[in-house]
Amino acid sequence: MMTNTSLYAALFTPFSSPNLELSNRIVMAPMTRTFSPGGVPGENVADYYRRRAEGGVGLIITEGTWIPHHSASNEEAAPRFYGEDALSGWREVVAAVHAAGAKIMPQLWHTGLTRCPQAEHIYDDIVEDLTVKSSPSGYVAPGEKVGEGIDEAEIEAIIAAYAQGAATAKALGFDGVELHGAHGYMIDQFFWHETNKRDDGWGGNLAARARFGAEIVRACREAVGTDFCIVLRFSQWKLADYDACLAQTPEELSRFLEPLVDAGVDIFHASERRFWKPVFEGSDLNLAAWTKKLTGKPVITVGSVGLDKEMRDSMAPTDTGVANIEQAAEMVARGEVDLVAVGRALLSDPEWANKVREGSIDAIVPFNPAVLADLT
């Protein structure tokens, strides 16, 4: 059995930034689980996150949770971040994770035009309408226009809902908040040129398309003050297009990131399908590493960490092998990235971080999609 703990030592050094201190560099990545009936996280959800905290992760970023806006949600059993019943459940989640020694942030989420209105309503006592779909320009995918863009008042309402969510997170005792600006959801629909065709102040070049996200960050910062961590997750790829690209060059990426930094982002969470792949020709750096190089901000890298298959391939009904953990540790040791987010590997094995710390790689339970059937 492999027990060379020095290979992974960098993953277990403390992390410190002005608004966040962690015992190690392992982050539980946000993953939608839909085990919160009525949008209310119960004891089973608190236990689920507690087990990963006990298993050695330094920071947990929760599954996406709906902001208090009437067009944010699309799934009855995904948790919401408003209503006293749901917020009471989140208090228990925070308490459980803190008692186990980890930090925790909610991921605030608005689906935008990716909503799937199978019914007009998904909550009995919450005002929302699934026939309403908010988006910058009405494009659900490249060239596929299914509606019209939202007006200025609706833009401001969504920004305010994110700020309310951030203030709620601070009031509940969370250690920060992550804004979901990746994968083709609401914020990312403004970022991407294929879904943002606006010709007003909310569209145009890449820096202009970043404005919506920047204004959300700025509103959240005003709501929580200067001493609360704000993380922004972003990606090149989209659910509608795995080959999508926000920035073709480091110069373009810099123009995109600059307004977000100015607005108050503390940490960038750069989502990739394979974290070990370079993002630009002529450089070995991935998206997270380039983001750190350009902004000087701490970054989280993510994308099939600990697995030998990317997400789509790992959904075949077979085990996914354990891989690339040493590579992630080396990126931290070189200072290219600060934190490493682990997703599916933590679903199959809540003790993943402890086993890596001990060098017990052969003892890690391999990911199999069968684990998605239960919240274990």
Protein backbone atom coordinates (compact mmCIF):
# COMPACT_ATOMS: atom_id res chain seq x y z
CA MET A 1 0.00 0.00 0.00
CA MET A 2 1.29 3.44 -0.91
CA THR A 3 2.05 5.48 2.22
CA ASN A 4 4.38 8.24 1.01
CA THR A 5 2.64 11.16 2.70
CA SER A 6 5.28 13.65 1.52
CA LEU A 7 3.82 13.48 -1.99
CA TYR A 8 0.66 15.16 -0.74
CA ALA A 9 2.01 17.36 2.06
CA ALA A 10 1.25 20.64 0.28
CA LEU A 11 -2.47 19.84 0.36
CA PHE A 12 -2.40 19.83 4.15
CA THR A 13 -0.68 23.11 4.86
CA PRO A 14 -2.78 25.92 6.36
CA PHE A 15 -4.30 28.54 4.08
CA SER A 16 -4.62 32.16 5.13
CA SER A 17 -6.08 35.15 3.31
CA PRO A 18 -7.55 38.39 4.66
CA ASN A 19 -11.10 36.98 4.90
CA LEU A 20 -10.55 33.23 5.21
CA GLU A 21 -8.32 30.89 7.16
CA LEU A 22 -8.38 27.13 6.60
CA SER A 23 -6.62 24.20 8.21
CA ASN A 24 -5.71 22.73 4.80
CA ARG A 25 -6.08 23.21 1.04
CA ILE A 26 -8.85 20.65 0.38
CA VAL A 27 -12.25 22.05 -0.58
CA MET A 28 -15.44 20.07 -1.06
CA ALA A 29 -16.74 21.25 -4.44
CA PRO A 30 -20.40 22.27 -4.79
CA MET A 31 -22.52 19.42 -6.18
CA THR A 32 -26.29 19.44 -6.62
CA ARG A 33 -27.82 16.51 -4.73
CA THR A 34 -31.61 17.23 -4.58
CA PHE A 35 -32.25 15.68 -1.17
CA SER A 36 -34.00 18.73 0.33
CA PRO A 37 -37.77 18.24 -0.21
CA GLY A 38 -39.55 21.55 -0.51
CA GLY A 39 -36.16 23.23 -0.69
CA VAL A 40 -35.53 22.59 3.01
CA PRO A 41 -32.21 20.96 4.01
CA GLY A 42 -32.90 18.44 6.76
CA GLU A 43 -30.87 16.47 9.26
CA ASN A 44 -29.70 14.14 6.50
CA VAL A 45 -28.14 17.09 4.67
CA ALA A 46 -26.39 18.29 7.83
CA ASP A 47 -25.05 14.77 8.40
CA TYR A 48 -23.88 14.55 4.79
CA TYR A 49 -21.75 17.67 5.07
CA ARG A 50 -20.61 16.79 8.61
CA ARG A 51 -19.18 13.49 7.38
CA ARG A 52 -16.99 15.30 4.82
CA ALA A 53 -15.85 17.74 7.50
CA GLU A 54 -14.94 14.85 9.79
CA GLY A 55 -13.25 13.27 6.78
CA GLY A 56 -10.67 16.03 6.70
CA VAL A 57 -11.70 18.72 4.22
CA GLY A 58 -10.80 22.28 5.18
CA LEU A 59 -13.69 24.04 3.43
CA ILE A 60 -17.10 22.90 2.23
CA ILE A 61 -18.90 24.80 -0.52
CA THR A 62 -22.48 23.61 -0.45
CA GLU A 63 -24.55 22.50 -3.37
CA GLY A 64 -26.15 25.38 -5.23
CA THR A 65 -28.97 26.99 -3.25
CA TRP A 66 -31.61 29.25 -4.78
CA ILE A 67 -31.45 32.98 -4.14
CA PRO A 68 -34.71 34.71 -3.16
CA HIS A 69 -35.86 35.56 -6.68
CA HIS A 70 -39.01 34.29 -8.37
CA SER A 71 -37.22 32.78 -11.39
CA ALA A 72 -34.13 31.32 -9.69
CA SER A 73 -35.22 27.74 -9.05
CA ASN A 74 -35.89 24.70 -11.21
CA GLU A 75 -35.92 21.70 -8.85
CA GLU A 76 -38.19 21.13 -5.86
CA ALA A 77 -35.67 19.05 -3.91
CA ALA A 78 -32.72 21.40 -4.38
CA PRO A 79 -32.31 23.65 -1.33
CA ARG A 80 -33.35 27.29 -1.25
CA PHE A 81 -31.75 30.11 0.70
CA TYR A 82 -34.86 31.93 1.87
CA GLY A 83 -37.86 31.12 4.03
CA GLU A 84 -37.46 30.40 7.74
CA ASP A 85 -37.95 26.65 7.26
CA ALA A 86 -35.01 26.42 4.86
CA LEU A 87 -32.83 28.84 6.82
CA SER A 88 -33.41 26.86 10.01
CA GLY A 89 -32.10 23.81 8.17
CA TRP A 90 -29.03 25.72 7.01
CA ARG A 91 -28.30 26.79 10.61
CA GLU A 92 -28.07 23.12 11.53
CA VAL A 93 -25.76 22.45 8.59
CA VAL A 94 -23.42 25.24 9.67
CA ALA A 95 -23.40 24.04 13.27
CA ALA A 96 -22.64 20.45 12.24
CA VAL A 97 -19.75 21.41 9.96
CA HIS A 98 -18.22 23.83 12.45
CA ALA A 99 -18.44 21.24 15.23
CA ALA A 100 -16.45 18.87 12.99
CA GLY A 101 -13.72 21.46 12.50
CA ALA A 102 -14.28 22.68 8.93
CA LYS A 103 -15.41 25.96 7.36
CA ILE A 104 -18.45 26.23 5.10
CA MET A 105 -19.93 28.55 2.45
CA PRO A 106 -23.23 28.35 0.56
CA GLN A 107 -23.18 28.55 -3.21
CA LEU A 108 -25.78 31.11 -4.27
CA TRP A 109 -27.47 30.13 -7.51
CA HIS A 110 -29.85 31.44 -10.15
CA THR A 111 -30.46 29.09 -13.07
CA GLY A 112 -31.39 31.75 -15.60
CA LEU A 113 -32.64 30.33 -18.88
CA THR A 114 -31.70 26.75 -17.99
CA ARG A 115 -34.95 26.33 -16.01
CA CYS A 116 -37.08 23.34 -17.00
CA PRO A 117 -40.74 24.21 -16.35
CA GLN A 118 -42.33 20.77 -15.95
CA ALA A 119 -44.90 22.46 -13.71
CA GLU A 120 -45.97 26.00 -13.01
CA HIS A 121 -44.86 25.80 -9.37
CA ILE A 122 -42.49 23.59 -7.41
CA TYR A 123 -43.08 24.94 -3.88
CA ASP A 124 -46.49 25.02 -2.20
CA ASP A 125 -45.90 28.12 -0.08
CA ILE A 126 -43.30 30.06 -2.05
CA VAL A 127 -44.07 32.65 -4.72
CA GLU A 128 -42.40 31.56 -7.93
CA ASP A 129 -43.45 30.70 -11.45
CA LEU A 130 -41.57 28.21 -13.58
CA THR A 131 -43.05 29.65 -16.74
CA VAL A 132 -40.84 32.69 -16.13
CA LYS A 133 -37.31 32.37 -17.47
CA SER A 134 -34.81 35.14 -16.89
CA SER A 135 -31.84 35.67 -19.18
CA PRO A 136 -29.84 38.49 -20.75
CA SER A 137 -31.05 37.96 -24.32
CA GLY A 138 -33.30 34.91 -24.50
CA TYR A 139 -30.66 32.52 -25.88
CA VAL A 140 -30.54 29.09 -24.23
CA ALA A 141 -27.66 27.90 -26.45
CA PRO A 142 -25.67 29.27 -29.39
CA GLY A 143 -28.16 30.34 -32.05
CA GLU A 144 -31.15 29.02 -30.07
CA LYS A 145 -33.34 31.96 -29.10
CA VAL A 146 -36.37 31.02 -27.03
CA GLY A 147 -37.37 34.30 -25.42
CA GLU A 148 -36.49 37.90 -24.73
CA GLY A 149 -33.96 39.43 -22.39
CA ILE A 150 -34.87 40.85 -19.00
CA ASP A 151 -35.28 44.58 -18.44
CA GLU A 152 -33.31 46.89 -16.16
CA ALA A 153 -35.72 46.48 -13.25
CA GLU A 154 -35.41 42.70 -13.34
CA ILE A 155 -31.62 42.93 -13.54
CA GLU A 156 -31.61 45.09 -10.41
CA ALA A 157 -34.00 42.69 -8.66
CA ILE A 158 -31.68 39.73 -9.30
CA ILE A 159 -28.66 41.69 -8.09
CA ALA A 160 -30.58 42.57 -4.92
CA ALA A 161 -31.55 38.93 -4.40
CA TYR A 162 -27.91 37.87 -4.51
CA ALA A 163 -27.04 40.58 -1.98
CA GLN A 164 -29.85 39.41 0.28
CA GLY A 165 -28.51 35.87 0.04
CA ALA A 166 -25.01 37.01 0.98
CA ALA A 167 -26.30 38.95 3.98
CA THR A 168 -28.29 35.89 5.05
CA ALA A 169 -25.19 33.71 4.81
CA LYS A 170 -23.30 36.02 7.14
CA ALA A 171 -26.21 36.18 9.58
CA LEU A 172 -26.43 32.37 9.69
CA GLY A 173 -22.76 32.03 10.62
CA PHE A 174 -21.35 30.83 7.30
CA ASP A 175 -17.66 31.57 6.68
CA GLY A 176 -18.19 33.20 3.31
CA VAL A 177 -20.29 32.87 0.19
CA GLU A 178 -19.72 31.57 -3.32
CA LEU A 179 -21.50 33.11 -6.30
CA HIS A 180 -22.21 30.60 -9.07
CA GLY A 181 -21.02 32.35 -12.21
CA ALA A 182 -20.12 29.21 -14.18
CA HIS A 183 -21.47 26.48 -16.47
CA GLY A 184 -24.08 28.51 -18.33
CA TYR A 185 -26.31 29.58 -15.45
CA MET A 186 -27.63 33.11 -14.92
CA ILE A 187 -24.44 35.06 -14.22
CA ASP A 188 -22.54 33.09 -16.84
CA GLN A 189 -25.26 33.78 -19.40
CA PHE A 190 -24.28 37.43 -19.11
CA PHE A 191 -20.58 36.55 -19.36
CA TRP A 192 -20.81 34.47 -22.54
CA HIS A 193 -21.13 36.16 -25.93
CA GLU A 194 -23.36 33.39 -27.28
CA THR A 195 -26.06 34.09 -24.68
CA ASN A 196 -25.54 37.81 -24.14
CA LYS A 197 -26.44 39.76 -27.26
CA ARG A 198 -27.39 42.97 -25.46
CA ASP A 199 -26.41 46.34 -26.88
CA ASP A 200 -27.01 48.35 -23.71
CA GLY A 201 -24.73 48.76 -20.70
CA TRP A 202 -25.06 45.06 -19.81
CA GLY A 203 -23.59 43.67 -23.02
CA GLY A 204 -20.88 44.24 -25.57
CA ASN A 205 -17.24 43.23 -25.21
CA LEU A 206 -16.00 40.77 -22.60
CA ALA A 207 -15.34 43.42 -19.95
CA ALA A 208 -18.82 44.86 -20.51
CA ARG A 209 -20.41 41.42 -20.25
CA ALA A 210 -18.67 41.00 -16.90
CA ARG A 211 -20.60 43.98 -15.54
CA PHE A 212 -23.61 41.96 -14.30
CA GLY A 213 -21.38 39.66 -12.29
CA ALA A 214 -19.35 42.60 -11.02
CA GLU A 215 -22.46 44.44 -9.88
CA ILE A 216 -23.61 41.32 -8.02
CA VAL A 217 -20.23 41.09 -6.31
CA ARG A 218 -20.35 44.79 -5.45
CA ALA A 219 -23.86 44.51 -4.00
CA CYS A 220 -22.87 41.47 -1.97
CA ARG A 221 -19.81 43.29 -0.68
CA GLU A 222 -21.95 46.21 0.42
CA ALA A 223 -24.30 43.78 2.16
CA VAL A 224 -21.65 41.85 4.11
CA GLY A 225 -18.90 44.41 4.67
CA THR A 226 -15.19 44.04 4.13
CA ASP A 227 -14.59 41.16 6.54
CA PHE A 228 -16.60 38.38 4.83
CA CYS A 229 -15.19 36.16 2.08
CA ILE A 230 -16.74 36.35 -1.40
CA VAL A 231 -15.80 33.61 -3.87
CA LEU A 232 -16.77 33.77 -7.54
CA ARG A 233 -16.95 30.56 -9.54
CA PHE A 234 -16.53 30.88 -13.31
CA SER A 235 -15.75 28.60 -16.23
CA GLN A 236 -14.91 28.50 -19.89
CA TRP A 237 -17.15 25.47 -20.56
CA LYS A 238 -20.95 25.49 -20.41
CA LEU A 239 -23.52 22.76 -19.99
CA ALA A 240 -24.80 23.68 -23.44
CA ASP A 241 -21.31 23.65 -24.98
CA TYR A 242 -18.33 21.85 -23.43
CA ASP A 243 -16.03 23.61 -25.91
CA ALA A 244 -17.22 27.12 -25.08
CA CYS A 245 -14.63 29.76 -24.33
CA LEU A 246 -14.92 33.10 -22.56
CA ALA A 247 -11.30 34.10 -23.08
CA GLN A 248 -9.02 32.94 -25.89
CA THR A 249 -5.86 34.57 -24.50
CA PRO A 250 -4.41 35.74 -21.18
CA GLU A 251 -5.07 39.32 -22.28
CA GLU A 252 -8.77 38.59 -22.76
CA LEU A 253 -8.93 36.78 -19.44
CA SER A 254 -7.36 39.78 -17.72
CA ARG A 255 -9.96 42.14 -19.20
CA PHE A 256 -12.72 39.84 -17.94
CA LEU A 257 -11.32 39.47 -14.42
CA GLU A 258 -10.39 43.09 -13.77
CA PRO A 259 -13.92 44.43 -13.09
CA LEU A 260 -14.65 41.43 -10.86
CA VAL A 261 -11.54 42.09 -8.79
CA ASP A 262 -12.43 45.77 -8.54
CA ALA A 263 -15.93 44.84 -7.34
CA GLY A 264 -14.59 42.86 -4.39
CA VAL A 265 -13.96 39.20 -5.21
CA ASP A 266 -11.69 37.61 -2.60
CA ILE A 267 -11.13 34.21 -4.23
CA PHE A 268 -11.74 32.92 -7.75
CA HIS A 269 -12.97 29.35 -8.26
CA ALA A 270 -11.99 28.43 -11.83
CA SER A 271 -14.01 25.42 -12.97
CA GLU A 272 -12.53 23.13 -15.61
CA ARG A 273 -13.47 19.64 -16.74
CA ARG A 274 -9.85 18.45 -16.35
CA PHE A 275 -7.81 20.58 -13.97
CA TRP A 276 -4.46 19.34 -15.32
CA LYS A 277 -5.05 20.70 -18.85
CA PRO A 278 -3.41 23.99 -19.90
CA VAL A 279 -5.93 26.67 -20.79
CA PHE A 280 -3.84 28.63 -23.34
CA GLU A 281 -1.31 27.56 -25.93
CA GLY A 282 2.32 28.11 -25.03
CA SER A 283 1.83 27.72 -21.28
CA ASP A 284 1.40 24.81 -18.88
CA LEU A 285 -0.85 26.83 -16.56
CA ASN A 286 -4.51 25.92 -16.14
CA LEU A 287 -7.37 28.42 -15.82
CA ALA A 288 -7.01 28.82 -12.06
CA ALA A 289 -3.26 29.36 -12.26
CA TRP A 290 -3.62 31.99 -14.97
CA THR A 291 -6.31 33.69 -12.90
CA LYS A 292 -3.95 33.91 -9.92
CA LYS A 293 -1.10 35.14 -12.12
CA LEU A 294 -3.23 37.90 -13.62
CA THR A 295 -5.07 39.07 -10.50
CA GLY A 296 -2.86 38.16 -7.57
CA LYS A 297 -5.97 36.75 -5.88
CA PRO A 298 -6.12 33.29 -4.27
CA VAL A 299 -7.68 30.64 -6.50
CA ILE A 300 -9.41 27.29 -6.27
CA THR A 301 -8.70 24.74 -8.98
CA VAL A 302 -11.26 22.04 -9.75
CA GLY A 303 -12.04 19.51 -12.45
CA SER A 304 -11.96 15.71 -12.01
CA VAL A 305 -9.53 15.95 -9.10
CA GLY A 306 -8.62 12.48 -7.85
CA LEU A 307 -10.30 10.72 -10.78
CA ASP A 308 -9.10 9.22 -14.04
CA LYS A 309 -12.28 10.22 -15.95
CA GLU A 310 -13.96 13.57 -16.46
CA MET A 311 -17.58 14.01 -15.39
CA ARG A 312 -19.45 12.72 -18.43
CA ASP A 313 -17.35 9.56 -18.78
CA SER A 314 -17.50 8.84 -15.04
CA MET A 315 -21.28 8.41 -15.21
CA ALA A 316 -20.94 4.99 -16.84
CA PRO A 317 -21.99 2.25 -14.36
CA THR A 318 -18.41 1.29 -13.52
CA ASP A 319 -15.82 2.44 -11.00
CA THR A 320 -13.69 5.46 -11.85
CA GLY A 321 -10.03 5.02 -10.98
CA VAL A 322 -8.08 7.14 -8.50
CA ALA A 323 -5.60 9.48 -10.22
CA ASN A 324 -3.78 12.84 -10.37
CA ILE A 325 -3.77 13.66 -6.64
CA GLU A 326 0.00 14.16 -6.64
CA GLN A 327 -0.33 16.53 -9.58
CA ALA A 328 -2.80 18.69 -7.65
CA ALA A 329 -0.46 18.76 -4.66
CA GLU A 330 2.44 19.82 -6.87
CA MET A 331 0.43 22.75 -8.24
CA VAL A 332 -0.18 23.93 -4.67
CA ALA A 333 3.48 23.41 -3.75
CA ARG A 334 4.60 25.50 -6.74
CA GLY A 335 2.25 28.30 -5.73
CA GLU A 336 0.26 28.08 -8.97
CA VAL A 337 -3.02 27.51 -7.10
CA ASP A 338 -4.04 27.88 -3.48
CA LEU A 339 -6.91 25.46 -2.94
CA VAL A 340 -8.03 22.23 -4.60
CA ALA A 341 -11.74 21.42 -4.87
CA VAL A 342 -12.70 17.75 -4.86
CA GLY A 343 -16.12 16.67 -6.12
CA ARG A 344 -17.18 13.17 -7.09
CA ALA A 345 -14.29 11.55 -5.22
CA LEU A 346 -15.80 12.87 -1.97
CA LEU A 347 -19.22 11.45 -2.80
CA SER A 348 -17.91 7.90 -2.85
CA ASP A 349 -15.53 8.35 0.08
CA PRO A 350 -16.21 10.96 2.80
CA GLU A 351 -12.81 10.03 4.30
CA TRP A 352 -10.98 10.91 1.07
CA ALA A 353 -9.00 13.80 2.57
CA ASN A 354 -7.92 11.85 5.65
CA LYS A 355 -6.79 8.94 3.47
CA VAL A 356 -4.76 11.24 1.24
CA ARG A 357 -3.21 12.88 4.30
CA GLU A 358 -2.16 9.43 5.54
CA GLY A 359 -0.88 8.39 2.11
CA SER A 360 -3.46 5.58 2.06
CA ILE A 361 -4.33 6.07 -1.60
CA ASP A 362 -5.08 2.39 -2.16
CA ALA A 363 -7.76 2.58 0.54
CA ILE A 364 -9.78 5.28 -1.25
CA VAL A 365 -13.21 4.06 -2.33
CA PRO A 366 -13.45 4.65 -6.11
CA PHE A 367 -16.28 6.77 -7.48
CA ASN A 368 -19.24 4.92 -8.93
CA PRO A 369 -22.41 6.75 -10.06
CA ALA A 370 -24.47 4.36 -7.94
CA VAL A 371 -23.58 6.55 -4.93
CA LEU A 372 -25.73 9.34 -6.36
CA ALA A 373 -28.89 7.43 -5.43
CA ASP A 374 -28.44 8.18 -1.72
CA LEU A 375 -27.15 10.98 0.48
CA THR A 376 -24.43 9.09 2.31
